[in-house]
C-alpha cells in the first residue's frame, strides 16, 4: 500500500518551503544553507511522486527498505544519473550486496558483522557508497544503532580493523524526548572521532538539528505528505 500522491504543485511547493526553512535555520545558526543536504524520504511513496520531486530539481532521496527501493529506483537512476540515494533503514547482511549496488550512502551501519559485510562488498564490487554509523542516542532496545558508550570503539574498529571508511553518523531520537540533547550528543561523538557528516533531524525537528550541526536532514512527510504505517523490516 502506498500513500496517495500529492498534486505536482504540492510536492514542488513543499520542497520549496522545506528548503526555505533549511536556509533560514542555517542562517540563524551562522551556517550556509549549502552545508545542509536535504534527503527527501520517499519510503512507501510511488515512483510517480518521486518523479515530481525530480522534475522540480531535487536529487537526493532516502529509502528505508532495499526491496522497495529496487522496485522504484533503477529506472529513475537511469533517467536521472545525478541523483543520490540513501538507505536510512536497517540493513540485513543478506541484502548487503543489493544495497551496495543500488545506494549511494548507507546510513545504518551498527554492528561489526554488518560493517565487515559492507566492506567486503565494497572491495568486491568497486562501488563506494558513503557509510554512516547509526548511534542509538536514546539507548532504546527496540531500535537499531550502536550505544553511545560503544560508539568510539565501534568507529575505530570500522576504520582500523575492518577498513571501512566512516563518512558520518546518524541518529533517530526517541519520539517522546526533546531532540536537542540527542543532536548535541551525536555532534560530540562526531567531533571527538573526526567524523564530518551528521544525519539528524526529520520533518518535525530538522531546524533544531541544523542548529546542532546537521549536514543531512531526512524529511519525508513535509514533502510527500502522510504515509501509511508499514510493518517493521530490517532492510
Protein backbone atom coordinates (compact mmCIF):
# COMPACT_ATOMS: atom_id res chain seq x y z
CA UNK A 1 0.00 0.00 0.00
CA UNK A 2 1.27 3.48 -0.81
CA UNK A 3 0.08 6.90 0.16
CA UNK A 4 -1.95 8.96 -2.25
CA UNK A 5 0.22 11.09 -4.46
CA UNK A 6 0.02 14.81 -3.92
CA UNK A 7 -0.52 17.02 -6.97
CA UNK A 8 2.65 18.19 -8.70
CA UNK A 9 2.31 21.71 -7.38
CA UNK A 10 2.01 20.41 -3.82
CA UNK A 11 5.29 18.49 -3.96
CA UNK A 12 7.09 21.31 -5.73
CA UNK A 13 5.74 23.87 -3.26
CA UNK A 14 6.51 21.62 -0.31
CA UNK A 15 10.10 21.23 -1.47
CA UNK A 16 10.48 24.98 -1.82
CA UNK A 17 9.02 25.56 1.64
CA UNK A 18 11.29 22.98 3.27
CA UNK A 19 14.36 24.36 1.51
CA UNK A 20 13.42 27.88 2.63
CA UNK A 21 13.13 26.65 6.21
CA UNK A 22 16.53 24.95 5.91
CA UNK A 23 18.07 28.19 4.61
CA UNK A 24 16.51 30.21 7.43
CA UNK A 25 17.65 27.76 10.10
CA UNK A 26 21.16 27.66 8.66
CA UNK A 27 21.36 31.45 8.55
CA UNK A 28 20.19 31.68 12.15
CA UNK A 29 22.93 29.24 13.14
CA UNK A 30 25.56 31.19 11.18
CA UNK A 31 25.88 28.44 8.61
CA UNK A 32 25.48 28.25 4.85
CA UNK A 33 22.36 26.56 3.53
CA UNK A 34 24.65 24.79 1.06
CA UNK A 35 26.21 22.94 4.02
CA UNK A 36 22.91 21.12 4.67
CA UNK A 37 21.75 18.36 2.32
CA UNK A 38 18.04 17.65 2.17
CA UNK A 39 17.41 13.90 1.93
CA UNK A 40 13.82 13.53 0.74
CA UNK A 41 12.49 10.35 2.33
CA UNK A 42 10.38 8.55 -0.25
CA UNK A 43 9.51 5.33 1.56
CA UNK A 44 6.07 3.95 0.64
CA UNK A 45 5.51 6.76 -1.86
CA UNK A 46 5.13 5.80 -5.55
CA UNK A 47 7.63 6.45 -8.29
CA UNK A 48 5.23 8.98 -9.80
CA UNK A 49 5.51 11.18 -6.69
CA UNK A 50 9.29 10.87 -6.74
CA UNK A 51 9.37 11.90 -10.40
CA UNK A 52 7.54 15.09 -9.44
CA UNK A 53 10.32 15.91 -6.97
CA UNK A 54 12.95 15.07 -9.59
CA UNK A 55 11.24 17.29 -12.13
CA UNK A 56 11.29 20.06 -9.53
CA UNK A 57 15.09 19.71 -9.47
CA UNK A 58 15.64 17.71 -6.29
CA UNK A 59 18.27 14.97 -6.47
CA UNK A 60 18.89 13.44 -3.01
CA UNK A 61 16.44 10.84 -1.69
CA UNK A 62 16.18 8.23 1.04
CA UNK A 63 14.53 4.84 1.31
CA UNK A 64 14.06 2.53 4.29
CA UNK A 65 13.97 -0.85 2.57
CA UNK A 66 16.19 -2.45 -0.05
CA UNK A 67 13.38 -4.41 -1.68
CA UNK A 68 11.10 -1.38 -2.03
CA UNK A 69 13.95 0.69 -3.42
CA UNK A 70 14.79 -1.96 -6.01
CA UNK A 71 11.24 -1.72 -7.36
CA UNK A 72 11.39 2.05 -7.88
CA UNK A 73 14.88 3.42 -8.27
CA UNK A 74 16.84 1.63 -11.06
CA UNK A 75 14.67 3.20 -13.79
CA UNK A 76 14.78 6.60 -12.09
CA UNK A 77 18.57 6.40 -11.73
CA UNK A 78 18.88 5.57 -15.41
CA UNK A 79 16.90 8.67 -16.32
CA UNK A 80 18.48 10.94 -13.69
CA UNK A 81 22.10 9.74 -13.34
CA UNK A 82 22.99 12.57 -10.95
CA UNK A 83 20.51 11.54 -8.26
CA UNK A 84 21.80 10.22 -4.94
CA UNK A 85 20.00 7.52 -2.95
CA UNK A 86 20.47 6.96 0.80
CA UNK A 87 19.49 3.85 2.74
CA UNK A 88 18.11 5.14 6.04
CA UNK A 89 16.51 1.94 7.34
CA UNK A 90 18.12 -1.09 8.93
CA UNK A 91 20.12 -3.42 6.70
CA UNK A 92 20.31 -7.19 6.92
CA UNK A 93 23.60 -8.83 5.96
CA UNK A 94 21.92 -10.98 3.32
CA UNK A 95 20.90 -7.79 1.48
CA UNK A 96 24.29 -6.07 1.61
CA UNK A 97 25.25 -6.91 -1.99
CA UNK A 98 21.98 -5.45 -3.29
CA UNK A 99 22.28 -2.38 -1.07
CA UNK A 100 25.83 -1.57 -2.16
CA UNK A 101 24.80 -1.97 -5.80
CA UNK A 102 21.88 0.46 -5.51
CA UNK A 103 22.54 3.01 -2.77
CA UNK A 104 25.00 5.89 -2.77
CA UNK A 105 25.00 6.14 1.03
CA UNK A 106 24.23 3.59 3.75
CA UNK A 107 23.34 5.41 6.98
CA UNK A 108 22.67 2.46 9.28
CA UNK A 109 25.93 0.61 9.93
CA UNK A 110 25.52 -0.54 13.53
CA UNK A 111 27.41 -3.77 14.20
CA UNK A 112 30.78 -5.32 13.29
CA UNK A 113 29.38 -8.19 11.19
CA UNK A 114 27.40 -5.77 9.05
CA UNK A 115 30.39 -3.44 8.75
CA UNK A 116 32.58 -6.34 7.58
CA UNK A 117 29.98 -7.45 5.05
CA UNK A 118 29.66 -3.93 3.63
CA UNK A 119 33.45 -3.51 3.49
CA UNK A 120 33.85 -6.85 1.70
CA UNK A 121 31.18 -5.99 -0.86
CA UNK A 122 32.72 -2.57 -1.49
CA UNK A 123 36.08 -4.25 -2.12
CA UNK A 124 34.46 -6.81 -4.42
CA UNK A 125 32.15 -4.54 -6.38
CA UNK A 126 34.23 -1.38 -6.62
CA UNK A 127 31.20 0.72 -5.65
CA UNK A 128 31.85 3.01 -2.71
CA UNK A 129 28.70 4.23 -1.00
CA UNK A 130 29.28 6.66 1.85
CA UNK A 131 28.92 4.81 5.14
CA UNK A 132 27.36 6.28 8.28
CA UNK A 133 27.27 4.74 11.74
CA UNK A 134 23.83 4.78 13.33
CA UNK A 135 24.02 5.73 17.00
CA UNK A 136 21.13 4.81 19.28
CA UNK A 137 21.33 8.03 21.28
CA UNK A 138 18.30 7.12 23.37
CA UNK A 139 19.63 3.61 24.10
CA UNK A 140 16.24 2.20 23.03
CA UNK A 141 16.25 -1.63 22.98
CA UNK A 142 13.79 -1.85 20.06
CA UNK A 143 15.82 0.46 17.83
CA UNK A 144 18.92 -0.18 15.76
CA UNK A 145 22.16 1.66 16.37
CA UNK A 146 25.32 1.50 18.40
CA UNK A 147 25.06 2.51 22.05
CA UNK A 148 26.65 5.91 22.67
CA UNK A 149 29.10 4.39 25.14
CA UNK A 150 30.29 1.96 22.44
CA UNK A 151 30.40 4.42 19.55
CA UNK A 152 34.05 5.47 19.80
CA UNK A 153 35.32 1.89 19.85
CA UNK A 154 32.99 0.87 17.04
CA UNK A 155 34.06 3.75 14.78
CA UNK A 156 37.72 2.97 15.45
CA UNK A 157 37.11 -0.72 14.74
CA UNK A 158 35.42 0.07 11.43
CA UNK A 159 38.33 2.21 10.36
CA UNK A 160 41.31 0.35 11.75
CA UNK A 161 40.27 -3.31 11.87
CA UNK A 162 37.64 -3.63 9.14
CA UNK A 163 38.92 -0.99 6.73
CA UNK A 164 35.54 0.68 6.32
CA UNK A 165 35.68 4.45 5.88
CA UNK A 166 33.11 6.23 8.04
CA UNK A 167 31.73 9.38 6.44
CA UNK A 168 29.15 10.28 9.05
CA UNK A 169 26.92 9.48 12.00
CA UNK A 170 23.13 9.16 12.07
CA UNK A 171 20.56 9.16 14.85
CA UNK A 172 16.79 8.98 15.39
CA UNK A 173 15.92 10.46 18.82
CA UNK A 174 13.11 8.87 20.84
CA UNK A 175 9.74 10.28 19.86
CA UNK A 176 8.89 11.36 23.40
CA UNK A 177 12.21 13.15 24.03
CA UNK A 178 13.33 16.69 23.35
CA UNK A 179 15.64 16.10 20.35
CA UNK A 180 18.25 18.75 21.13
CA UNK A 181 20.25 16.69 23.69
CA UNK A 182 20.38 13.79 21.26
CA UNK A 183 21.66 16.01 18.46
CA UNK A 184 24.23 17.51 20.83
CA UNK A 185 25.39 14.02 21.83
CA UNK A 186 25.79 12.91 18.21
CA UNK A 187 27.72 16.09 17.44
CA UNK A 188 30.12 15.44 20.32
CA UNK A 189 30.72 11.83 19.26
CA UNK A 190 31.43 13.02 15.72
CA UNK A 191 33.76 15.76 16.89
CA UNK A 192 35.97 13.56 19.01
CA UNK A 193 36.19 10.94 16.26
CA UNK A 194 36.86 13.35 13.40
CA UNK A 195 33.63 12.46 11.58
CA UNK A 196 32.39 15.21 9.26
CA UNK A 197 28.79 14.35 8.41
CA UNK A 198 25.80 14.33 10.75
CA UNK A 199 22.49 12.89 9.51
CA UNK A 200 19.92 14.04 12.03
CA UNK A 201 16.59 15.81 12.03
CA UNK A 202 13.30 14.91 10.36
CA UNK A 203 10.13 16.77 9.42
CA UNK A 204 9.34 17.82 12.98
CA UNK A 205 12.78 18.81 14.22
CA UNK A 206 15.19 19.42 11.34
CA UNK A 207 15.60 23.10 12.19
CA UNK A 208 16.83 22.14 15.66
CA UNK A 209 19.18 19.60 14.09
CA UNK A 210 20.65 22.27 11.81
CA UNK A 211 21.37 24.39 14.87
CA UNK A 212 23.41 21.49 16.23
CA UNK A 213 25.38 20.98 13.04
CA UNK A 214 23.35 18.59 10.88
CA UNK A 215 24.85 18.17 7.42
CA UNK A 216 21.97 15.94 6.25
CA UNK A 217 18.32 16.24 7.27
CA UNK A 218 15.86 13.47 6.42
CA UNK A 219 12.46 14.90 5.53
CA UNK A 220 9.56 12.89 4.15
CA UNK A 221 6.14 13.93 5.43
CA UNK A 222 6.72 17.66 4.92
CA UNK A 223 7.47 16.96 1.25
CA UNK A 224 5.35 13.99 0.20
CA UNK A 225 2.57 14.06 2.80
CA UNK A 226 1.48 11.39 5.24
CA UNK A 227 2.17 7.76 4.51
CA UNK A 228 0.58 4.57 5.87
CA UNK A 229 2.23 2.62 8.67
CA UNK A 230 4.47 -0.13 7.33
CA UNK A 231 5.46 -3.38 9.09
CA UNK A 232 8.87 -3.45 10.74
CA UNK A 233 11.63 -4.66 8.44
CA UNK A 234 15.40 -4.67 8.66
CA UNK A 235 16.03 -3.77 5.02
